[in-house]
Structures are given as C-alpha cells and as structure tokens.
Amino acid sequence: MTTSPKNPPTTPPKATPEPAPRQESLIDYPSLFPIKVMGKKVDGLVAAITAVAHQFDPVFDATTIELRESKGGKYLGVTITVTATSREQLDELYRTLSTHPMVKVVL
C-alpha cells in the first residue's frame, strides 16, 4: 500500500486593503474654532500669530485674542479664535503656525 504525500495547504493571496473611507468631520463649518499657540515671550509674537490668523481668516477679530503668561514669565500662551470654513483650512493653519520660527507649540 502506497501513500501519497499530502499537499501542503495553500494560502489564498492576500487582498489589498481598501483605503479607509474619509471620515465625516466632527466640526460643523463654518464655526468659531479656538487655537492655542505657545512661544517664547518676545516682542512680535502676538503680531506674528495675528498675521497668520488673518491670512487664513480675513475676518479674524484680534480683540478676541487671549494671552496667558507661563508661571516663570518666559513663555506666552496665545489663544486665537478663527472662523473655520473647512478641514483643509484648519490643517494648513496648524501647519503654518507649527512651522513659524517664533512658535513652540500649537494645540
């Protein structure tokens, strides 16, 4: 009696994963959107952040800016509230602020 060797199990080819569907935004546009920016407390920081805010929101109201010094007085927290019109606008605004040489952190 002869036995035939068993064929090793074949694995099906791996399917290419589907790209994740674009998620709906949790933000209703347009809407007022606060952004916290932190940097060293130096002359020109608030003006630089204000200029970037105006670049992305032409109706930005600089009177709504909130300032908060760090405990040691070395850093300044600047909260701006922009009118967000799209996810792309917010992404680009965050990118621009994050890469500004006077800015340390954007939240």
Foldseek 3Di string as FASTA:
>chain_A
DDDDDDDPDDDDDDDDDDPDPDDDDPDDPFDKDKKKWKFFPDPPPLVVLVVLLCVLAVPFDSVPWDWDADPVRGMIIIIGIGGDGDPVSVVVSLVVRCPDPGTDDMD
